C-alpha atoms as a PDB file:
ATOM      1  CA  UNK A   1     112.814  76.800  90.121  1.00  0.00           C
ATOM      2  CA  UNK A   2     114.246  78.551  87.085  1.00  0.00           C
ATOM      3  CA  UNK A   3     116.105  75.388  86.100  1.00  0.00           C
ATOM      4  CA  UNK A   4     112.946  73.286  86.423  1.00  0.00           C
ATOM      5  CA  UNK A   5     111.016  75.803  84.353  1.00  0.00           C
ATOM      6  CA  UNK A   6     113.774  75.793  81.725  1.00  0.00           C
ATOM      7  CA  UNK A   7     113.772  71.964  81.528  1.00  0.00           C
ATOM      8  CA  UNK A   8     109.987  71.596  81.449  1.00  0.00           C
ATOM      9  CA  UNK A   9     109.529  74.455  79.031  1.00  0.00           C
ATOM     10  CA  UNK A  10     107.247  76.289  81.477  1.00  0.00           C
ATOM     11  CA  UNK A  11     107.875  79.945  80.798  1.00  0.00           C
ATOM     12  CA  UNK A  12     106.326  81.528  83.867  1.00  0.00           C
ATOM     13  CA  UNK A  13     107.010  85.142  83.109  1.00  0.00           C
ATOM     14  CA  UNK A  14     107.643  86.601  86.523  1.00  0.00           C
ATOM     15  CA  UNK A  15     109.078  89.908  85.461  1.00  0.00           C
ATOM     16  CA  UNK A  16     106.218  92.137  86.585  1.00  0.00           C
ATOM     17  CA  UNK A  17     106.781  95.087  88.880  1.00  0.00           C
ATOM     18  CA  UNK A  18     103.801  96.472  90.769  1.00  0.00           C
ATOM     19  CA  UNK A  19     103.884 100.204  91.528  1.00  0.00           C
ATOM     20  CA  UNK A  20     101.598 100.450  94.579  1.00  0.00           C
ATOM     21  CA  UNK A  21     100.331 103.886  95.673  1.00  0.00           C
ATOM     22  CA  UNK A  22      97.798 104.708  98.383  1.00  0.00           C
ATOM     23  CA  UNK A  23      96.301 107.674 100.180  1.00  0.00           C
ATOM     24  CA  UNK A  24      93.823 107.607 103.048  1.00  0.00           C
ATOM     25  CA  UNK A  25      91.003 109.827 101.760  1.00  0.00           C
ATOM     26  CA  UNK A  26      89.424 111.065  98.550  1.00  0.00           C
ATOM     27  CA  UNK A  27      90.533 114.603  99.523  1.00  0.00           C
ATOM     28  CA  UNK A  28      94.150 113.493  99.033  1.00  0.00           C
ATOM     29  CA  UNK A  29      93.737 112.499  95.374  1.00  0.00           C
ATOM     30  CA  UNK A  30      96.183 115.176  94.199  1.00  0.00           C
ATOM     31  CA  UNK A  31      98.807 113.701  96.516  1.00  0.00           C
ATOM     32  CA  UNK A  32      98.034 110.251  95.098  1.00  0.00           C
ATOM     33  CA  UNK A  33      98.750 111.425  91.563  1.00  0.00           C
ATOM     34  CA  UNK A  34     102.055 113.011  92.652  1.00  0.00           C
ATOM     35  CA  UNK A  35     102.957 109.761  94.421  1.00  0.00           C
ATOM     36  CA  UNK A  36     102.078 107.761  91.302  1.00  0.00           C
ATOM     37  CA  UNK A  37     104.325 110.032  89.228  1.00  0.00           C
ATOM     38  CA  UNK A  38     107.330 109.541  91.528  1.00  0.00           C
ATOM     39  CA  UNK A  39     106.959 105.761  91.789  1.00  0.00           C
ATOM     40  CA  UNK A  40     106.346 105.258  88.046  1.00  0.00           C
ATOM     41  CA  UNK A  41     109.297 107.531  87.237  1.00  0.00           C
ATOM     42  CA  UNK A  42     111.597 105.257  89.264  1.00  0.00           C
ATOM     43  CA  UNK A  43     110.198 102.104  87.647  1.00  0.00           C
ATOM     44  CA  UNK A  44     110.611 103.636  84.195  1.00  0.00           C
ATOM     45  CA  UNK A  45     114.179 104.683  84.976  1.00  0.00           C
ATOM     46  CA  UNK A  46     114.987 101.057  85.898  1.00  0.00           C
ATOM     47  CA  UNK A  47     113.271  99.771  82.732  1.00  0.00           C
ATOM     48  CA  UNK A  48     110.899  97.471  84.586  1.00  0.00           C
ATOM     49  CA  UNK A  49     107.672  96.035  83.156  1.00  0.00           C
ATOM     50  CA  UNK A  50     105.303  97.880  85.485  1.00  0.00           C
ATOM     51  CA  UNK A  51     101.629  97.737  86.409  1.00  0.00           C
ATOM     52  CA  UNK A  52     100.105 100.457  88.607  1.00  0.00           C
ATOM     53  CA  UNK A  53      97.857  99.588  91.542  1.00  0.00           C
ATOM     54  CA  UNK A  54      96.196 102.515  93.371  1.00  0.00           C
ATOM     55  CA  UNK A  55      94.104 102.611  96.519  1.00  0.00           C
ATOM     56  CA  UNK A  56      92.183 105.220  98.447  1.00  0.00           C
ATOM     57  CA  UNK A  57      91.623 103.968 101.967  1.00  0.00           C
ATOM     58  CA  UNK A  58      93.111 103.716 105.419  1.00  0.00           C
ATOM     59  CA  UNK A  59      96.361 101.817 105.911  1.00  0.00           C
ATOM     60  CA  UNK A  60      94.530 100.071 108.769  1.00  0.00           C
ATOM     61  CA  UNK A  61      91.894  98.692 106.368  1.00  0.00           C
ATOM     62  CA  UNK A  62      92.973  95.329 104.915  1.00  0.00           C
ATOM     63  CA  UNK A  63      89.955  95.177 102.596  1.00  0.00           C
ATOM     64  CA  UNK A  64      91.260  97.710 100.084  1.00  0.00           C
ATOM     65  CA  UNK A  65      90.494  96.607  96.530  1.00  0.00           C
ATOM     66  CA  UNK A  66      93.965  97.327  95.167  1.00  0.00           C
ATOM     67  CA  UNK A  67      95.704  95.674  98.123  1.00  0.00           C
ATOM     68  CA  UNK A  68      93.631  92.510  97.683  1.00  0.00           C
ATOM     69  CA  UNK A  69      94.568  92.498  93.979  1.00  0.00           C
ATOM     70  CA  UNK A  70      98.220  92.871  94.939  1.00  0.00           C
ATOM     71  CA  UNK A  71      98.032  89.879  97.332  1.00  0.00           C
ATOM     72  CA  UNK A  72      96.392  87.738  94.665  1.00  0.00           C
ATOM     73  CA  UNK A  73      99.011  88.621  92.055  1.00  0.00           C
ATOM     74  CA  UNK A  74     101.829  87.822  94.493  1.00  0.00           C
ATOM     75  CA  UNK A  75     100.271  84.467  95.417  1.00  0.00           C
ATOM     76  CA  UNK A  76      99.851  83.647  91.717  1.00  0.00           C
ATOM     77  CA  UNK A  77     103.618  84.082  91.310  1.00  0.00           C
ATOM     78  CA  UNK A  78     103.297  86.934  88.806  1.00  0.00           C
ATOM     79  CA  UNK A  79     105.160  89.635  90.710  1.00  0.00           C
ATOM     80  CA  UNK A  80     108.923  90.043  90.821  1.00  0.00           C
ATOM     81  CA  UNK A  81     108.868  93.219  92.881  1.00  0.00           C
ATOM     82  CA  UNK A  82     106.560  95.722  94.542  1.00  0.00           C
ATOM     83  CA  UNK A  83     107.608  99.372  94.600  1.00  0.00           C
ATOM     84  CA  UNK A  84     106.151 101.831  97.123  1.00  0.00           C
ATOM     85  CA  UNK A  85     107.211 105.330  98.109  1.00  0.00           C
ATOM     86  CA  UNK A  86     106.953 104.861 101.881  1.00  0.00           C
ATOM     87  CA  UNK A  87     106.401 101.696 103.902  1.00  0.00           C
ATOM     88  CA  UNK A  88     103.207 103.030 105.446  1.00  0.00           C
ATOM     89  CA  UNK A  89     101.651 103.231 101.976  1.00  0.00           C
ATOM     90  CA  UNK A  90     101.297  99.439 102.098  1.00  0.00           C
ATOM     91  CA  UNK A  91      99.923  99.204 105.626  1.00  0.00           C
ATOM     92  CA  UNK A  92     100.156 100.738 109.069  1.00  0.00           C
ATOM     93  CA  UNK A  93     100.636  97.469 110.958  1.00  0.00           C
ATOM     94  CA  UNK A  94     101.894  94.025 110.032  1.00  0.00           C
ATOM     95  CA  UNK A  95     104.497  95.092 107.499  1.00  0.00           C
ATOM     96  CA  UNK A  96     106.972  92.420 108.613  1.00  0.00           C
ATOM     97  CA  UNK A  97     104.316  89.734 108.039  1.00  0.00           C
ATOM     98  CA  UNK A  98     103.586  91.153 104.585  1.00  0.00           C
ATOM     99  CA  UNK A  99     107.300  91.228 103.717  1.00  0.00           C
ATOM    100  CA  UNK A 100     107.618  87.617 104.851  1.00  0.00           C
ATOM    101  CA  UNK A 101     104.571  86.657 102.747  1.00  0.00           C
ATOM    102  CA  UNK A 102     106.105  88.290  99.666  1.00  0.00           C
ATOM    103  CA  UNK A 103     109.472  86.684 100.303  1.00  0.00           C
ATOM    104  CA  UNK A 104     107.803  83.265 100.365  1.00  0.00           C
ATOM    105  CA  UNK A 105     106.705  83.831  96.771  1.00  0.00           C
ATOM    106  CA  UNK A 106     110.065  85.283  95.689  1.00  0.00           C
ATOM    107  CA  UNK A 107     108.737  88.834  95.514  1.00  0.00           C
ATOM    108  CA  UNK A 108     110.943  91.728  96.557  1.00  0.00           C
ATOM    109  CA  UNK A 109     109.421  94.807  98.197  1.00  0.00           C
ATOM    110  CA  UNK A 110     111.262  98.024  97.390  1.00  0.00           C
ATOM    111  CA  UNK A 111     110.626 101.078  99.552  1.00  0.00           C
ATOM    112  CA  UNK A 112     111.885 104.235  97.796  1.00  0.00           C
ATOM    113  CA  UNK A 113     111.975 106.624 100.733  1.00  0.00           C
ATOM    114  CA  UNK A 114     113.106 104.397 103.575  1.00  0.00           C
ATOM    115  CA  UNK A 115     112.876 106.608 106.619  1.00  0.00           C
ATOM    116  CA  UNK A 116     115.411 106.542 109.417  1.00  0.00           C
ATOM    117  CA  UNK A 117     114.820 104.091 112.223  1.00  0.00           C
ATOM    118  CA  UNK A 118     112.682 105.585 114.965  1.00  0.00           C
ATOM    119  CA  UNK A 119     112.992 104.949 118.660  1.00  0.00           C
ATOM    120  CA  UNK A 120     110.257 102.749 120.088  1.00  0.00           C
ATOM    121  CA  UNK A 121     108.427 105.589 121.874  1.00  0.00           C
ATOM    122  CA  UNK A 122     108.295 107.722 118.712  1.00  0.00           C
ATOM    123  CA  UNK A 123     106.935 104.881 116.627  1.00  0.00           C
ATOM    124  CA  UNK A 124     104.372 103.973 119.326  1.00  0.00           C
ATOM    125  CA  UNK A 125     103.143 107.573 119.547  1.00  0.00           C
ATOM    126  CA  UNK A 126     102.715 107.760 115.763  1.00  0.00           C
ATOM    127  CA  UNK A 127     100.820 104.449 115.693  1.00  0.00           C
ATOM    128  CA  UNK A 128      98.491 105.583 118.471  1.00  0.00           C
ATOM    129  CA  UNK A 129      97.773 108.865 116.673  1.00  0.00           C
ATOM    130  CA  UNK A 130      97.030 106.928 113.454  1.00  0.00           C
ATOM    131  CA  UNK A 131      94.628 104.618 115.288  1.00  0.00           C
ATOM    132  CA  UNK A 132      92.787 107.427 117.045  1.00  0.00           C
ATOM    133  CA  UNK A 133      92.571 109.432 113.826  1.00  0.00           C
ATOM    134  CA  UNK A 134      91.232 106.485 111.836  1.00  0.00           C
ATOM    135  CA  UNK A 135      88.601 105.495 114.362  1.00  0.00           C
ATOM    136  CA  UNK A 136      87.569 109.115 114.981  1.00  0.00           C
ATOM    137  CA  UNK A 137      87.067 109.613 111.275  1.00  0.00           C
ATOM    138  CA  UNK A 138      84.857 106.533 111.136  1.00  0.00           C
ATOM    139  CA  UNK A 139      82.815 107.647 114.130  1.00  0.00           C
ATOM    140  CA  UNK A 140      82.344 111.224 112.972  1.00  0.00           C
ATOM    141  CA  UNK A 141      81.800 110.137 109.390  1.00  0.00           C
ATOM    142  CA  UNK A 142      78.961 107.890 110.471  1.00  0.00           C
ATOM    143  CA  UNK A 143      77.383 110.640 112.492  1.00  0.00           C
ATOM    144  CA  UNK A 144      77.529 113.034 109.544  1.00  0.00           C
ATOM    145  CA  UNK A 145      76.002 110.406 107.261  1.00  0.00           C
ATOM    146  CA  UNK A 146      73.055 109.898 109.618  1.00  0.00           C
ATOM    147  CA  UNK A 147      72.345 113.613 109.662  1.00  0.00           C
ATOM    148  CA  UNK A 148      72.294 113.804 105.891  1.00  0.00           C
ATOM    149  CA  UNK A 149      70.010 110.766 105.506  1.00  0.00           C
ATOM    150  CA  UNK A 150      67.569 112.045 108.108  1.00  0.00           C
ATOM    151  CA  UNK A 151      67.006 115.365 106.333  1.00  0.00           C
END
């Protein structure tokens, strides 16, 4: 592709690095800012042309505004790499599919704190806790909202 672009004079500047940071709730905003600092520090150290994308929302929710923006930028061919602190900051499930998607557009995904491989049972237990926590929060959040509106 680079040779075709060179010959046709098409200078598709694909040198953009996306620093993606996410937390699950508004209460974790301080953690989000610390996460942003660590990820941007690494990007700066490498000298990459970086754009920050932040999200506040569950890793189970695929309708996060920043995540949708990230997908669009990747599909437009603008992103050379995506940098995240931990793999679960991108999503709780379907990471292999996302990595494959990015690879298809020539985008590298860099995970700064790649955790050790977990045994199947440990990973399954963590996933189940994440699901129960997410759906419990939705259920109890709805109940709390109804009480406030009724008063």
